[in-house]
């Protein structure tokens, strides 16, 4: 009996969308964004992510699966995004265009 491998094609990468980072098909929503919505400050459930981002629940779980299969890659992406955000904030502050309330 032969085996057929079935693929879930919900996660795609296109160099013209989000710099080629993995996104949910048909959206510009990065896998890392979905993962952070679940594990970051908001701690959203998969159902809340699906509702808030207008996704199918299967798309959310596909993003989770992709994260777990490519954890080092996605964690590095998250770290790069955080560093870029911090650098941008510093540049804006240096220009006097940002006042921090903390």
C-alpha atoms as a PDB file:
ATOM      1  CA  UNK A   1       0.000   0.000   0.000  1.00  0.00           C
ATOM      2  CA  UNK A   2       1.490   3.319  -1.067  1.00  0.00           C
ATOM      3  CA  UNK A   3       1.434   6.407   1.054  1.00  0.00           C
ATOM      4  CA  UNK A   4       0.361   9.878  -0.065  1.00  0.00           C
ATOM      5  CA  UNK A   5       1.895  12.830   1.695  1.00  0.00           C
ATOM      6  CA  UNK A   6      -0.628  15.612   2.162  1.00  0.00           C
ATOM      7  CA  UNK A   7       0.553  19.179   2.625  1.00  0.00           C
ATOM      8  CA  UNK A   8      -1.158  22.007   4.400  1.00  0.00           C
ATOM      9  CA  UNK A   9      -0.504  25.014   2.193  1.00  0.00           C
ATOM     10  CA  UNK A  10      -1.611  27.743   4.578  1.00  0.00           C
ATOM     11  CA  UNK A  11       1.868  29.184   5.174  1.00  0.00           C
ATOM     12  CA  UNK A  12       3.615  30.788   2.205  1.00  0.00           C
ATOM     13  CA  UNK A  13       6.664  32.886   1.512  1.00  0.00           C
ATOM     14  CA  UNK A  14       6.946  35.463  -1.258  1.00  0.00           C
ATOM     15  CA  UNK A  15       9.880  37.873  -1.576  1.00  0.00           C
ATOM     16  CA  UNK A  16       7.383  40.641  -2.421  1.00  0.00           C
ATOM     17  CA  UNK A  17       5.350  40.138   0.765  1.00  0.00           C
ATOM     18  CA  UNK A  18       6.869  41.011   4.151  1.00  0.00           C
ATOM     19  CA  UNK A  19      10.375  40.556   2.784  1.00  0.00           C
ATOM     20  CA  UNK A  20       9.832  36.870   2.126  1.00  0.00           C
ATOM     21  CA  UNK A  21       9.020  36.042   5.719  1.00  0.00           C
ATOM     22  CA  UNK A  22       6.458  33.259   6.220  1.00  0.00           C
ATOM     23  CA  UNK A  23       2.887  34.537   6.225  1.00  0.00           C
ATOM     24  CA  UNK A  24      -0.584  33.062   6.286  1.00  0.00           C
ATOM     25  CA  UNK A  25      -1.698  32.512   2.699  1.00  0.00           C
ATOM     26  CA  UNK A  26      -3.932  35.297   1.388  1.00  0.00           C
ATOM     27  CA  UNK A  27      -2.845  37.707   4.103  1.00  0.00           C
ATOM     28  CA  UNK A  28       0.204  39.731   5.016  1.00  0.00           C
ATOM     29  CA  UNK A  29       0.061  38.350   8.546  1.00  0.00           C
ATOM     30  CA  UNK A  30       3.406  36.894   9.549  1.00  0.00           C
ATOM     31  CA  UNK A  31       3.677  33.604  11.418  1.00  0.00           C
ATOM     32  CA  UNK A  32       5.716  35.477  14.037  1.00  0.00           C
ATOM     33  CA  UNK A  33       2.845  37.965  14.541  1.00  0.00           C
ATOM     34  CA  UNK A  34       0.394  35.124  15.184  1.00  0.00           C
ATOM     35  CA  UNK A  35       2.816  33.425  17.562  1.00  0.00           C
ATOM     36  CA  UNK A  36       3.426  36.661  19.491  1.00  0.00           C
ATOM     37  CA  UNK A  37      -0.315  37.303  19.761  1.00  0.00           C
ATOM     38  CA  UNK A  38      -0.534  33.949  21.531  1.00  0.00           C
ATOM     39  CA  UNK A  39       2.618  34.048  23.671  1.00  0.00           C
ATOM     40  CA  UNK A  40       3.253  37.772  24.118  1.00  0.00           C
ATOM     41  CA  UNK A  41       1.637  40.283  26.410  1.00  0.00           C
ATOM     42  CA  UNK A  42      -1.877  39.680  25.066  1.00  0.00           C
ATOM     43  CA  UNK A  43      -1.814  35.873  25.533  1.00  0.00           C
ATOM     44  CA  UNK A  44      -4.687  35.416  23.062  1.00  0.00           C
ATOM     45  CA  UNK A  45      -6.263  32.003  22.624  1.00  0.00           C
ATOM     46  CA  UNK A  46      -6.282  30.483  19.137  1.00  0.00           C
ATOM     47  CA  UNK A  47      -9.993  31.299  18.908  1.00  0.00           C
ATOM     48  CA  UNK A  48      -9.384  34.934  19.878  1.00  0.00           C
ATOM     49  CA  UNK A  49      -6.597  35.213  17.296  1.00  0.00           C
ATOM     50  CA  UNK A  50      -8.890  33.790  14.621  1.00  0.00           C
ATOM     51  CA  UNK A  51     -11.620  36.260  15.515  1.00  0.00           C
ATOM     52  CA  UNK A  52      -9.380  39.314  15.960  1.00  0.00           C
ATOM     53  CA  UNK A  53      -7.403  38.747  12.752  1.00  0.00           C
ATOM     54  CA  UNK A  54     -10.315  37.353  10.702  1.00  0.00           C
ATOM     55  CA  UNK A  55      -8.648  33.993  10.174  1.00  0.00           C
ATOM     56  CA  UNK A  56      -9.913  30.461  10.103  1.00  0.00           C
ATOM     57  CA  UNK A  57      -8.948  28.517  13.198  1.00  0.00           C
ATOM     58  CA  UNK A  58      -7.030  26.094  10.977  1.00  0.00           C
ATOM     59  CA  UNK A  59      -4.883  28.975   9.722  1.00  0.00           C
ATOM     60  CA  UNK A  60      -3.960  29.871  13.298  1.00  0.00           C
ATOM     61  CA  UNK A  61      -2.977  26.286  14.052  1.00  0.00           C
ATOM     62  CA  UNK A  62      -1.034  26.096  10.782  1.00  0.00           C
ATOM     63  CA  UNK A  63       0.966  29.126  11.937  1.00  0.00           C
ATOM     64  CA  UNK A  64       1.575  27.447  15.300  1.00  0.00           C
ATOM     65  CA  UNK A  65       2.707  24.256  13.579  1.00  0.00           C
ATOM     66  CA  UNK A  66       5.028  26.200  11.300  1.00  0.00           C
ATOM     67  CA  UNK A  67       6.482  27.995  14.314  1.00  0.00           C
ATOM     68  CA  UNK A  68       7.219  24.720  16.077  1.00  0.00           C
ATOM     69  CA  UNK A  69       8.788  23.214  12.954  1.00  0.00           C
ATOM     70  CA  UNK A  70      10.943  26.329  12.366  1.00  0.00           C
ATOM     71  CA  UNK A  71      11.311  27.680  15.896  1.00  0.00           C
ATOM     72  CA  UNK A  72      14.903  28.888  15.578  1.00  0.00           C
ATOM     73  CA  UNK A  73      14.110  30.791  12.374  1.00  0.00           C
ATOM     74  CA  UNK A  74      10.979  32.449  13.757  1.00  0.00           C
ATOM     75  CA  UNK A  75      12.608  33.270  17.102  1.00  0.00           C
ATOM     76  CA  UNK A  76      15.482  34.943  15.225  1.00  0.00           C
ATOM     77  CA  UNK A  77      12.940  36.919  13.171  1.00  0.00           C
ATOM     78  CA  UNK A  78      11.174  38.059  16.343  1.00  0.00           C
ATOM     79  CA  UNK A  79      14.490  39.138  17.854  1.00  0.00           C
ATOM     80  CA  UNK A  80      15.467  41.043  14.677  1.00  0.00           C
ATOM     81  CA  UNK A  81      12.098  42.814  14.642  1.00  0.00           C
ATOM     82  CA  UNK A  82      12.479  43.804  18.299  1.00  0.00           C
ATOM     83  CA  UNK A  83      15.988  45.164  17.718  1.00  0.00           C
ATOM     84  CA  UNK A  84      14.812  47.125  14.657  1.00  0.00           C
ATOM     85  CA  UNK A  85      11.902  48.576  16.649  1.00  0.00           C
ATOM     86  CA  UNK A  86      14.231  49.669  19.461  1.00  0.00           C
ATOM     87  CA  UNK A  87      16.611  51.320  16.983  1.00  0.00           C
ATOM     88  CA  UNK A  88      13.709  53.132  15.323  1.00  0.00           C
ATOM     89  CA  UNK A  89      12.443  54.388  18.681  1.00  0.00           C
ATOM     90  CA  UNK A  90      15.907  55.677  19.567  1.00  0.00           C
ATOM     91  CA  UNK A  91      16.183  57.481  16.224  1.00  0.00           C
ATOM     92  CA  UNK A  92      12.758  59.089  16.676  1.00  0.00           C
ATOM     93  CA  UNK A  93      13.626  60.137  20.231  1.00  0.00           C
ATOM     94  CA  UNK A  94      16.939  61.612  19.034  1.00  0.00           C
ATOM     95  CA  UNK A  95      14.994  63.752  16.562  1.00  0.00           C
ATOM     96  CA  UNK A  96      12.796  65.013  19.388  1.00  0.00           C
ATOM     97  CA  UNK A  97       9.677  63.545  17.817  1.00  0.00           C
ATOM     98  CA  UNK A  98       8.849  61.133  20.617  1.00  0.00           C
ATOM     99  CA  UNK A  99       8.154  61.740  24.251  1.00  0.00           C
ATOM    100  CA  UNK A 100       8.090  58.736  26.557  1.00  0.00           C
ATOM    101  CA  UNK A 101       5.562  58.605  29.354  1.00  0.00           C
ATOM    102  CA  UNK A 102       7.397  55.956  31.352  1.00  0.00           C
END
